[in-house]
Amino acid sequence: MFDIAVFGSLFLTLFVIMDPPGITPIFLALTAGRPAKVQRRMALQAVAVAFGVIAVFGVLGQQILDYLHVSVPALMIAGGLLLLLIALDLLTGKTDEPTQTKDVNVALVPLGMPLLAGPGAIVSVILAVQHADSMGSQISVWTAIVAMHVVLWLTMRYSLLIIRVIKDGGVVLVTRLAGMMLSAIAVQQIINGVTQVIQNS
């Protein structure tokens, strides 16, 4: 009934792509200065958004891309450009947003998408769902998706303890580090998308 090989394969793939340890400094940088209660809520919101996006693409992904005439490389390039803009804001310290929307915005973009529910995770889920040709395989695929998001939530939820240790000066350092890491991820994603466009042409 339950296919442990399918579960393990997808879970490990999503773990590498979504990278819970790597998302920690970015999450800390984007939520710095907010009350602990708000930060915990943002962690849950980000994971909920990511799960919602991935679930929709898992069920209707190929149809959505075909209907919009959007290729996977184009999705990768667009996600990379969005991440690059966020990274530049982190590097230059321009992370302020309107007070009434900043909590929601950060949880939705970039945390929920495209950091967690990025092109790599979306494509992996689409392929896994397509290749799951039995009820047991489908259950294994969706269990892996849910388990990965629980891991992401736990990682972000308890990474907030780090802020109590590193204080304000450490948060500034983490913000710059997160910006540098995020810019590298964004550039690599754009390069991968452009490479695929060239190979397909």
Protein backbone atom coordinates (compact mmCIF):
# COMPACT_ATOMS: atom_id res chain seq x y z
CA MET A 1 0.00 0.00 0.00
CA PHE A 2 2.54 2.58 1.18
CA ASP A 3 5.65 2.80 -1.05
CA ILE A 4 8.57 3.74 1.20
CA ALA A 5 10.91 4.09 -1.80
CA VAL A 6 8.67 6.69 -3.46
CA PHE A 7 8.24 8.53 -0.15
CA GLY A 8 11.98 8.56 0.58
CA SER A 9 12.94 9.63 -2.93
CA LEU A 10 10.56 12.60 -3.07
CA PHE A 11 11.20 13.64 0.54
CA LEU A 12 14.97 13.73 -0.01
CA THR A 13 14.54 15.56 -3.31
CA LEU A 14 12.33 18.21 -1.72
CA PHE A 15 14.66 18.47 1.30
CA VAL A 16 17.61 19.25 -0.97
CA ILE A 17 15.63 21.72 -3.10
CA MET A 18 13.73 23.50 -0.31
CA ASP A 19 16.76 23.33 2.03
CA PRO A 20 15.34 23.92 5.55
CA PRO A 21 18.77 24.72 7.11
CA GLY A 22 19.54 27.17 4.30
CA ILE A 23 16.20 28.94 4.64
CA THR A 24 16.84 29.67 8.33
CA PRO A 25 19.08 32.77 7.96
CA ILE A 26 16.79 34.17 5.25
CA PHE A 27 13.73 33.66 7.45
CA LEU A 28 15.49 35.29 10.41
CA ALA A 29 16.53 38.26 8.27
CA LEU A 30 13.07 38.81 6.81
CA THR A 31 11.27 38.53 10.16
CA ALA A 32 13.77 40.45 12.31
CA GLY A 33 12.34 43.15 14.54
CA ARG A 34 8.84 41.68 14.73
CA PRO A 35 7.28 40.32 17.94
CA ALA A 36 7.87 36.60 18.55
CA LYS A 37 4.15 35.88 18.17
CA VAL A 38 4.11 37.54 14.75
CA GLN A 39 7.25 35.67 13.68
CA ARG A 40 5.70 32.34 14.63
CA ARG A 41 2.56 33.21 12.71
CA MET A 42 4.64 34.19 9.68
CA ALA A 43 6.44 30.83 9.78
CA LEU A 44 3.09 29.06 9.69
CA GLN A 45 1.75 31.37 6.95
CA ALA A 46 4.81 30.83 4.77
CA VAL A 47 4.57 27.04 5.05
CA ALA A 48 0.80 27.14 4.43
CA VAL A 49 1.30 29.24 1.30
CA ALA A 50 4.07 26.96 0.05
CA PHE A 51 1.96 23.86 0.66
CA GLY A 52 -1.05 25.43 -1.06
CA VAL A 53 0.96 26.37 -4.14
CA ILE A 54 2.65 22.97 -4.37
CA ALA A 55 -0.64 21.13 -3.81
CA VAL A 56 -2.32 23.07 -6.63
CA PHE A 57 0.57 22.39 -8.99
CA GLY A 58 0.67 18.76 -7.87
CA VAL A 59 -2.95 18.32 -8.91
CA LEU A 60 -3.18 20.69 -11.88
CA GLY A 61 0.42 21.69 -12.59
CA GLN A 62 0.93 20.46 -16.13
CA GLN A 63 -2.50 21.69 -17.20
CA ILE A 64 -1.81 25.16 -15.73
CA LEU A 65 1.54 25.47 -17.49
CA ASP A 66 0.10 24.20 -20.79
CA TYR A 67 -2.92 26.54 -20.56
CA LEU A 68 -0.74 29.58 -19.92
CA HIS A 69 1.86 28.44 -22.48
CA VAL A 70 4.54 28.77 -19.82
CA SER A 71 7.61 26.55 -19.98
CA VAL A 72 9.49 25.26 -16.95
CA PRO A 73 12.65 27.28 -17.87
CA ALA A 74 10.54 30.46 -18.04
CA LEU A 75 9.17 29.65 -14.58
CA MET A 76 12.73 29.22 -13.30
CA ILE A 77 13.94 32.52 -14.78
CA ALA A 78 10.94 34.45 -13.39
CA GLY A 79 11.47 32.95 -9.92
CA GLY A 80 15.17 33.79 -10.09
CA LEU A 81 14.51 37.42 -10.99
CA LEU A 82 12.06 37.79 -8.11
CA LEU A 83 14.57 36.28 -5.67
CA LEU A 84 17.29 38.58 -7.00
CA LEU A 85 15.18 41.67 -6.26
CA ILE A 86 14.57 40.46 -2.70
CA ALA A 87 18.28 39.67 -2.28
CA LEU A 88 19.28 43.20 -3.37
CA ASP A 89 16.90 44.65 -0.77
CA LEU A 90 18.49 42.50 1.95
CA LEU A 91 22.02 43.45 0.89
CA THR A 92 21.26 47.18 0.84
CA GLY A 93 19.14 47.13 4.00
CA LYS A 94 15.97 48.20 2.18
CA THR A 95 13.69 45.64 3.79
CA ASP A 96 11.01 47.97 5.12
CA GLU A 97 7.44 47.57 3.86
CA PRO A 98 4.17 49.39 4.55
CA THR A 99 3.19 48.69 8.18
CA GLN A 100 -0.26 47.37 7.33
CA THR A 101 1.00 44.77 4.86
CA LYS A 102 4.58 43.88 5.78
CA ASP A 103 3.77 40.79 7.87
CA VAL A 104 1.55 39.27 5.21
CA ASN A 105 3.82 40.24 2.30
CA VAL A 106 6.95 38.65 3.74
CA ALA A 107 5.09 35.46 4.61
CA LEU A 108 3.65 35.21 1.10
CA VAL A 109 6.57 36.63 -0.93
CA PRO A 110 9.35 35.65 -0.84
CA LEU A 111 9.06 33.10 1.98
CA GLY A 112 6.05 31.14 0.77
CA MET A 113 6.85 31.60 -2.89
CA PRO A 114 9.33 31.43 -4.58
CA LEU A 115 11.72 30.48 -1.73
CA LEU A 116 9.83 27.44 -0.43
CA ALA A 117 7.50 26.75 -3.33
CA GLY A 118 10.03 27.50 -6.04
CA PRO A 119 10.24 26.17 -9.60
CA GLY A 120 12.44 23.24 -8.56
CA ALA A 121 10.02 22.00 -5.90
CA ILE A 122 7.00 22.56 -8.17
CA VAL A 123 8.51 20.61 -11.08
CA SER A 124 9.61 17.77 -8.78
CA VAL A 125 6.09 17.44 -7.38
CA ILE A 126 4.47 17.57 -10.83
CA LEU A 127 6.73 14.76 -12.05
CA ALA A 128 6.26 12.68 -8.88
CA VAL A 129 2.47 12.90 -9.13
CA GLN A 130 2.55 12.00 -12.83
CA HIS A 131 4.74 8.95 -12.19
CA ALA A 132 2.67 7.71 -9.23
CA ASP A 133 0.59 5.09 -11.06
CA SER A 134 -1.06 3.42 -8.05
CA MET A 135 -3.01 4.48 -4.97
CA GLY A 136 -0.09 3.47 -2.74
CA SER A 137 2.32 5.59 -4.75
CA GLN A 138 -0.04 8.58 -4.65
CA ILE A 139 -0.38 8.26 -0.86
CA SER A 140 3.41 8.05 -0.55
CA VAL A 141 3.90 11.17 -2.72
CA TRP A 142 1.45 13.30 -0.75
CA THR A 143 2.74 12.01 2.58
CA ALA A 144 6.26 13.09 1.55
CA ILE A 145 4.96 16.54 0.59
CA VAL A 146 3.17 16.99 3.93
CA ALA A 147 6.16 15.65 5.91
CA MET A 148 8.51 18.09 4.15
CA HIS A 149 6.33 21.05 5.03
CA VAL A 150 6.14 19.95 8.66
CA VAL A 151 9.96 19.88 8.72
CA LEU A 152 10.07 23.36 7.18
CA TRP A 153 7.65 24.74 9.76
CA LEU A 154 9.55 23.19 12.67
CA THR A 155 12.87 24.53 11.32
CA MET A 156 11.59 28.10 10.99
CA ARG A 157 9.53 27.97 14.18
CA TYR A 158 12.47 26.99 16.38
CA SER A 159 15.08 29.03 14.51
CA LEU A 160 13.54 32.06 16.24
CA LEU A 161 15.47 31.06 19.37
CA ILE A 162 18.64 32.07 17.49
CA ILE A 163 17.53 35.72 17.45
CA ARG A 164 17.55 35.81 21.25
CA VAL A 165 21.19 34.79 21.19
CA ILE A 166 22.61 36.89 18.33
CA LYS A 167 20.79 40.16 19.24
CA ASP A 168 20.48 43.16 16.88
CA GLY A 169 24.08 43.19 15.64
CA GLY A 170 23.87 39.53 14.73
CA VAL A 171 20.59 40.09 12.90
CA VAL A 172 22.24 42.71 10.67
CA LEU A 173 25.05 40.26 9.89
CA VAL A 174 22.55 37.47 9.18
CA THR A 175 20.57 39.82 6.92
CA ARG A 176 23.63 40.57 4.77
CA LEU A 177 24.60 36.89 4.71
CA ALA A 178 21.06 35.95 3.69
CA GLY A 179 21.12 38.54 0.91
CA MET A 180 24.38 37.14 -0.42
CA MET A 181 23.12 33.56 -0.30
CA LEU A 182 19.80 34.49 -1.86
CA SER A 183 21.47 36.40 -4.70
CA ALA A 184 23.63 33.37 -5.47
CA ILE A 185 20.56 31.10 -5.48
CA ALA A 186 18.73 33.57 -7.75
CA VAL A 187 21.59 33.86 -10.24
CA GLN A 188 22.01 30.07 -10.38
CA GLN A 189 18.29 29.65 -10.98
CA ILE A 190 18.35 32.19 -13.82
CA ILE A 191 21.41 30.48 -15.35
CA ASN A 192 19.69 27.08 -15.16
CA GLY A 193 16.59 28.49 -16.84
CA VAL A 194 18.56 30.18 -19.62
CA THR A 195 20.62 27.01 -20.16
CA GLN A 196 17.46 24.95 -20.55
CA VAL A 197 16.01 27.48 -23.02
CA ILE A 198 19.18 27.24 -25.13
CA GLN A 199 19.21 23.44 -24.98
CA ASN A 200 15.54 23.24 -26.02
CA SER A 201 15.93 25.64 -28.92
